[in-house]
N, C-alpha and C. Protein backbone atom coordinates (compact mmCIF):
# COMPACT_ATOMS: atom_id res chain seq x y z
N MET A 1 0.84 -1.17 0.00
CA MET A 1 0.00 0.00 0.00
C MET A 1 0.88 1.24 0.00
N ASN A 2 0.46 2.25 -0.66
CA ASN A 2 1.18 3.50 -0.72
C ASN A 2 0.85 4.33 0.52
N ARG A 3 1.82 4.50 1.40
CA ARG A 3 1.59 5.25 2.64
C ARG A 3 1.53 6.75 2.41
N ASN A 4 1.98 7.24 1.24
CA ASN A 4 1.91 8.66 0.94
C ASN A 4 0.48 9.09 0.67
N ASN A 5 -0.34 8.17 0.18
CA ASN A 5 -1.74 8.45 -0.09
C ASN A 5 -2.55 7.38 0.62
N CYS A 6 -3.09 7.72 1.78
CA CYS A 6 -3.76 6.72 2.61
C CYS A 6 -5.14 6.34 2.12
N GLN A 7 -5.63 6.98 1.10
CA GLN A 7 -6.92 6.56 0.56
C GLN A 7 -6.72 5.22 -0.13
N ASN A 8 -7.32 4.19 0.41
CA ASN A 8 -7.18 2.85 -0.15
C ASN A 8 -8.27 2.64 -1.20
N ALA A 9 -7.88 2.60 -2.44
CA ALA A 9 -8.84 2.50 -3.54
C ALA A 9 -9.59 1.17 -3.53
N THR A 10 -9.04 0.14 -2.88
CA THR A 10 -9.71 -1.16 -2.90
C THR A 10 -10.73 -1.31 -1.78
N LEU A 11 -10.78 -0.40 -0.85
CA LEU A 11 -11.71 -0.49 0.27
C LEU A 11 -12.93 0.38 -0.03
N ASP A 12 -14.11 -0.25 -0.15
CA ASP A 12 -15.32 0.48 -0.51
C ASP A 12 -15.91 1.27 0.65
N ALA A 13 -15.58 0.90 1.89
CA ALA A 13 -16.12 1.55 3.07
C ALA A 13 -14.98 2.19 3.86
N PRO A 14 -15.29 3.13 4.77
CA PRO A 14 -14.24 3.74 5.58
C PRO A 14 -13.49 2.74 6.46
N CYS A 15 -14.18 1.65 6.85
CA CYS A 15 -13.53 0.62 7.65
C CYS A 15 -14.32 -0.68 7.53
N ILE A 16 -13.62 -1.78 7.79
CA ILE A 16 -14.27 -3.09 7.70
C ILE A 16 -13.56 -4.05 8.65
N ILE A 17 -14.34 -4.94 9.25
CA ILE A 17 -13.77 -6.04 10.02
C ILE A 17 -13.90 -7.27 9.14
N TYR A 18 -12.77 -7.81 8.72
CA TYR A 18 -12.79 -8.97 7.84
C TYR A 18 -13.14 -10.24 8.60
N LYS A 19 -12.53 -10.41 9.76
CA LYS A 19 -12.85 -11.61 10.53
C LYS A 19 -12.55 -11.40 12.00
N ALA A 20 -13.26 -12.14 12.79
CA ALA A 20 -13.02 -12.25 14.22
C ALA A 20 -13.34 -13.70 14.54
N TRP A 21 -12.31 -14.49 14.77
CA TRP A 21 -12.53 -15.92 14.97
C TRP A 21 -11.64 -16.42 16.09
N THR A 22 -12.11 -17.46 16.75
CA THR A 22 -11.40 -18.05 17.87
C THR A 22 -10.51 -19.18 17.40
N ASN A 23 -9.27 -19.15 17.84
CA ASN A 23 -8.35 -20.25 17.64
C ASN A 23 -8.68 -21.26 18.74
N LEU A 24 -9.23 -22.40 18.36
CA LEU A 24 -9.68 -23.38 19.36
C LEU A 24 -8.55 -24.00 20.16
N ILE A 25 -7.33 -23.92 19.66
CA ILE A 25 -6.19 -24.46 20.39
C ILE A 25 -5.75 -23.51 21.50
N THR A 26 -5.64 -22.22 21.17
CA THR A 26 -5.15 -21.25 22.15
C THR A 26 -6.26 -20.54 22.91
N GLY A 27 -7.47 -20.52 22.36
CA GLY A 27 -8.58 -19.79 22.98
C GLY A 27 -8.51 -18.30 22.72
N GLU A 28 -7.57 -17.86 21.89
CA GLU A 28 -7.44 -16.45 21.56
C GLU A 28 -8.28 -16.12 20.32
N VAL A 29 -8.70 -14.86 20.25
CA VAL A 29 -9.50 -14.41 19.11
C VAL A 29 -8.64 -13.52 18.23
N GLU A 30 -8.58 -13.86 16.95
CA GLU A 30 -7.85 -13.05 15.98
C GLU A 30 -8.85 -12.14 15.29
N ILE A 31 -8.55 -10.85 15.30
CA ILE A 31 -9.41 -9.85 14.68
C ILE A 31 -8.61 -9.17 13.57
N VAL A 32 -9.13 -9.22 12.35
CA VAL A 32 -8.48 -8.60 11.20
C VAL A 32 -9.42 -7.52 10.67
N TYR A 33 -8.88 -6.30 10.57
CA TYR A 33 -9.70 -5.18 10.11
C TYR A 33 -8.86 -4.27 9.23
N GLU A 34 -9.56 -3.37 8.54
CA GLU A 34 -8.88 -2.41 7.66
C GLU A 34 -9.57 -1.07 7.75
N THR A 35 -8.77 -0.01 7.69
CA THR A 35 -9.29 1.34 7.64
C THR A 35 -8.81 2.01 6.36
N ALA A 36 -9.64 2.84 5.78
CA ALA A 36 -9.31 3.50 4.51
C ALA A 36 -8.46 4.75 4.73
N THR A 37 -8.53 5.32 5.91
CA THR A 37 -7.76 6.53 6.21
C THR A 37 -7.09 6.37 7.57
N SER A 38 -6.04 7.11 7.78
CA SER A 38 -5.38 7.13 9.08
C SER A 38 -6.22 7.96 10.05
N GLY A 39 -6.13 7.63 11.30
CA GLY A 39 -6.86 8.40 12.31
C GLY A 39 -7.05 7.61 13.58
N ARG A 40 -7.75 8.21 14.51
CA ARG A 40 -8.01 7.58 15.80
C ARG A 40 -9.04 6.48 15.62
N ILE A 41 -8.78 5.32 16.24
CA ILE A 41 -9.74 4.22 16.20
C ILE A 41 -10.02 3.74 17.61
N LEU A 42 -11.15 3.10 17.75
CA LEU A 42 -11.53 2.44 18.99
C LEU A 42 -11.99 1.04 18.61
N LEU A 43 -11.38 0.03 19.22
CA LEU A 43 -11.73 -1.36 18.95
C LEU A 43 -12.12 -1.98 20.29
N GLU A 44 -13.39 -2.40 20.39
CA GLU A 44 -13.92 -2.91 21.65
C GLU A 44 -14.58 -4.28 21.47
N ILE A 45 -14.60 -5.04 22.55
CA ILE A 45 -15.29 -6.32 22.60
C ILE A 45 -16.47 -6.18 23.56
N PHE A 46 -17.65 -6.64 23.11
CA PHE A 46 -18.87 -6.59 23.91
C PHE A 46 -19.38 -8.00 24.17
N HIS A 47 -19.93 -8.22 25.34
CA HIS A 47 -20.63 -9.47 25.66
C HIS A 47 -22.01 -9.38 25.04
N CYS A 48 -22.71 -10.50 24.92
CA CYS A 48 -24.04 -10.51 24.28
C CYS A 48 -25.06 -9.66 25.03
N ASP A 49 -24.79 -9.34 26.29
CA ASP A 49 -25.71 -8.48 27.05
C ASP A 49 -25.45 -7.00 26.82
N GLY A 50 -24.47 -6.67 25.98
CA GLY A 50 -24.20 -5.28 25.61
C GLY A 50 -23.13 -4.60 26.44
N GLN A 51 -22.59 -5.26 27.45
CA GLN A 51 -21.56 -4.65 28.27
C GLN A 51 -20.20 -4.75 27.59
N VAL A 52 -19.41 -3.67 27.71
CA VAL A 52 -18.06 -3.68 27.18
C VAL A 52 -17.21 -4.61 28.03
N VAL A 53 -16.59 -5.58 27.39
CA VAL A 53 -15.73 -6.54 28.07
C VAL A 53 -14.30 -6.02 28.11
N LYS A 54 -13.84 -5.51 26.96
CA LYS A 54 -12.45 -5.08 26.85
C LYS A 54 -12.30 -4.07 25.73
N THR A 55 -11.54 -3.03 25.97
CA THR A 55 -11.12 -2.12 24.91
C THR A 55 -9.77 -2.62 24.43
N ILE A 56 -9.72 -3.09 23.19
CA ILE A 56 -8.50 -3.64 22.62
C ILE A 56 -7.56 -2.51 22.18
N HIS A 57 -8.09 -1.54 21.46
CA HIS A 57 -7.31 -0.40 20.99
C HIS A 57 -8.09 0.88 21.17
N SER A 58 -7.40 1.92 21.55
CA SER A 58 -7.90 3.28 21.50
C SER A 58 -6.67 4.11 21.13
N ILE A 59 -6.34 4.09 19.85
CA ILE A 59 -5.06 4.64 19.40
C ILE A 59 -5.22 5.34 18.05
N PHE A 60 -4.16 6.03 17.64
CA PHE A 60 -4.05 6.54 16.28
C PHE A 60 -3.49 5.41 15.44
N GLU A 61 -4.16 5.09 14.34
CA GLU A 61 -3.76 3.97 13.50
C GLU A 61 -3.59 4.48 12.07
N VAL A 62 -2.52 4.02 11.40
CA VAL A 62 -2.36 4.37 9.99
C VAL A 62 -3.33 3.52 9.17
N CYS A 63 -3.67 4.03 8.01
CA CYS A 63 -4.60 3.31 7.16
C CYS A 63 -4.01 1.97 6.74
N GLY A 64 -4.90 1.05 6.39
CA GLY A 64 -4.46 -0.25 5.93
C GLY A 64 -5.03 -1.38 6.77
N ALA A 65 -4.53 -2.57 6.50
CA ALA A 65 -5.01 -3.77 7.19
C ALA A 65 -4.21 -3.99 8.47
N HIS A 66 -4.91 -4.47 9.50
CA HIS A 66 -4.30 -4.69 10.81
C HIS A 66 -4.85 -5.98 11.41
N LYS A 67 -4.05 -6.60 12.26
CA LYS A 67 -4.48 -7.80 12.97
C LYS A 67 -4.14 -7.63 14.45
N VAL A 68 -5.12 -7.95 15.30
CA VAL A 68 -4.88 -7.95 16.74
C VAL A 68 -5.38 -9.26 17.32
N ILE A 69 -4.84 -9.61 18.45
CA ILE A 69 -5.24 -10.83 19.15
C ILE A 69 -5.85 -10.43 20.49
N TRP A 70 -7.04 -10.95 20.77
CA TRP A 70 -7.66 -10.77 22.07
C TRP A 70 -7.51 -12.09 22.81
N ASN A 71 -7.01 -12.03 24.03
CA ASN A 71 -6.73 -13.23 24.81
C ASN A 71 -7.95 -13.84 25.50
N GLY A 72 -9.11 -13.30 25.27
CA GLY A 72 -10.33 -13.85 25.86
C GLY A 72 -10.58 -13.40 27.29
N LYS A 73 -9.83 -12.38 27.73
CA LYS A 73 -9.98 -11.88 29.11
C LYS A 73 -10.57 -10.48 29.10
N ASP A 74 -11.28 -10.16 30.17
CA ASP A 74 -11.84 -8.83 30.28
C ASP A 74 -10.77 -7.84 30.74
N SER A 75 -11.16 -6.58 30.96
CA SER A 75 -10.19 -5.56 31.32
C SER A 75 -9.59 -5.77 32.71
N SER A 76 -10.19 -6.67 33.51
CA SER A 76 -9.64 -7.00 34.83
C SER A 76 -8.75 -8.23 34.79
N GLY A 77 -8.62 -8.84 33.62
CA GLY A 77 -7.79 -10.03 33.48
C GLY A 77 -8.51 -11.34 33.75
N ILE A 78 -9.83 -11.28 33.87
CA ILE A 78 -10.63 -12.48 34.13
C ILE A 78 -11.04 -13.12 32.81
N SER A 79 -10.82 -14.43 32.68
CA SER A 79 -11.22 -15.14 31.47
C SER A 79 -12.72 -15.10 31.29
N MET A 80 -13.14 -14.77 30.09
CA MET A 80 -14.56 -14.69 29.78
C MET A 80 -15.08 -16.07 29.40
N PRO A 81 -16.36 -16.32 29.71
CA PRO A 81 -16.93 -17.63 29.37
C PRO A 81 -17.18 -17.76 27.87
N ASN A 82 -17.30 -18.98 27.41
CA ASN A 82 -17.67 -19.23 26.02
C ASN A 82 -19.00 -18.54 25.74
N GLY A 83 -19.16 -18.09 24.53
CA GLY A 83 -20.42 -17.46 24.16
C GLY A 83 -20.26 -16.55 22.96
N VAL A 84 -21.32 -15.81 22.67
CA VAL A 84 -21.35 -14.88 21.54
C VAL A 84 -20.90 -13.51 22.02
N TYR A 85 -19.97 -12.93 21.28
CA TYR A 85 -19.45 -11.61 21.57
C TYR A 85 -19.50 -10.77 20.30
N THR A 86 -19.34 -9.47 20.46
CA THR A 86 -19.33 -8.55 19.33
C THR A 86 -18.05 -7.73 19.38
N CYS A 87 -17.42 -7.60 18.24
CA CYS A 87 -16.25 -6.74 18.09
C CYS A 87 -16.74 -5.49 17.36
N ARG A 88 -16.44 -4.31 17.92
CA ARG A 88 -16.87 -3.06 17.28
C ARG A 88 -15.65 -2.20 16.99
N LEU A 89 -15.55 -1.74 15.75
CA LEU A 89 -14.48 -0.86 15.31
C LEU A 89 -15.09 0.50 15.00
N ILE A 90 -14.58 1.53 15.66
CA ILE A 90 -15.06 2.90 15.43
C ILE A 90 -13.90 3.73 14.91
N THR A 91 -14.11 4.39 13.78
CA THR A 91 -13.14 5.33 13.24
C THR A 91 -13.78 6.71 13.24
N GLN A 92 -13.04 7.68 12.75
CA GLN A 92 -13.58 9.04 12.68
C GLN A 92 -14.70 9.15 11.65
N ARG A 93 -14.77 8.18 10.73
CA ARG A 93 -15.75 8.26 9.65
C ARG A 93 -16.87 7.23 9.72
N ALA A 94 -16.68 6.16 10.51
CA ALA A 94 -17.69 5.09 10.50
C ALA A 94 -17.52 4.18 11.70
N SER A 95 -18.50 3.29 11.83
CA SER A 95 -18.47 2.27 12.88
C SER A 95 -18.99 0.97 12.28
N VAL A 96 -18.29 -0.14 12.55
CA VAL A 96 -18.74 -1.45 12.08
C VAL A 96 -18.62 -2.45 13.22
N SER A 97 -19.44 -3.48 13.16
CA SER A 97 -19.42 -4.53 14.18
C SER A 97 -19.45 -5.89 13.53
N LYS A 98 -18.92 -6.88 14.25
CA LYS A 98 -18.95 -8.25 13.77
C LYS A 98 -19.09 -9.16 14.98
N GLN A 99 -20.04 -10.09 14.92
CA GLN A 99 -20.22 -11.05 15.99
C GLN A 99 -19.29 -12.25 15.78
N PHE A 100 -18.91 -12.86 16.90
CA PHE A 100 -18.09 -14.05 16.84
C PHE A 100 -18.38 -14.90 18.08
N ILE A 101 -17.95 -16.13 18.04
CA ILE A 101 -18.15 -17.04 19.17
C ILE A 101 -16.80 -17.27 19.83
N LEU A 102 -16.75 -17.02 21.13
CA LEU A 102 -15.58 -17.34 21.92
C LEU A 102 -15.76 -18.77 22.42
N ALA A 103 -14.84 -19.64 22.04
CA ALA A 103 -14.91 -21.04 22.44
C ALA A 103 -13.51 -21.49 22.83
N LYS A 104 -13.40 -21.98 24.04
CA LYS A 104 -12.07 -22.43 24.51
C LYS A 104 -12.12 -23.90 24.85
């Protein structure tokens, strides 16, 4: 990708979450997302009841594809139970969410 021009011509939306899936061996969740422009992002994990479990990122991120690993623990370090969770990515231009199953 050309870092001099952060507008990614291949990305139709300001941001997208490509996948959020659990590695059944490690119990960790791999989250792959992309942003079309550089800027501040917020990446959070929610339990099915709507409560924020963990803020993964609240940083300035350059445009492009990124991968993060969530260890399946909340912000207090407590392992979360198996179940349905939502990953939400918020940029300056848009917000997207993707559900996934945490299974260990």
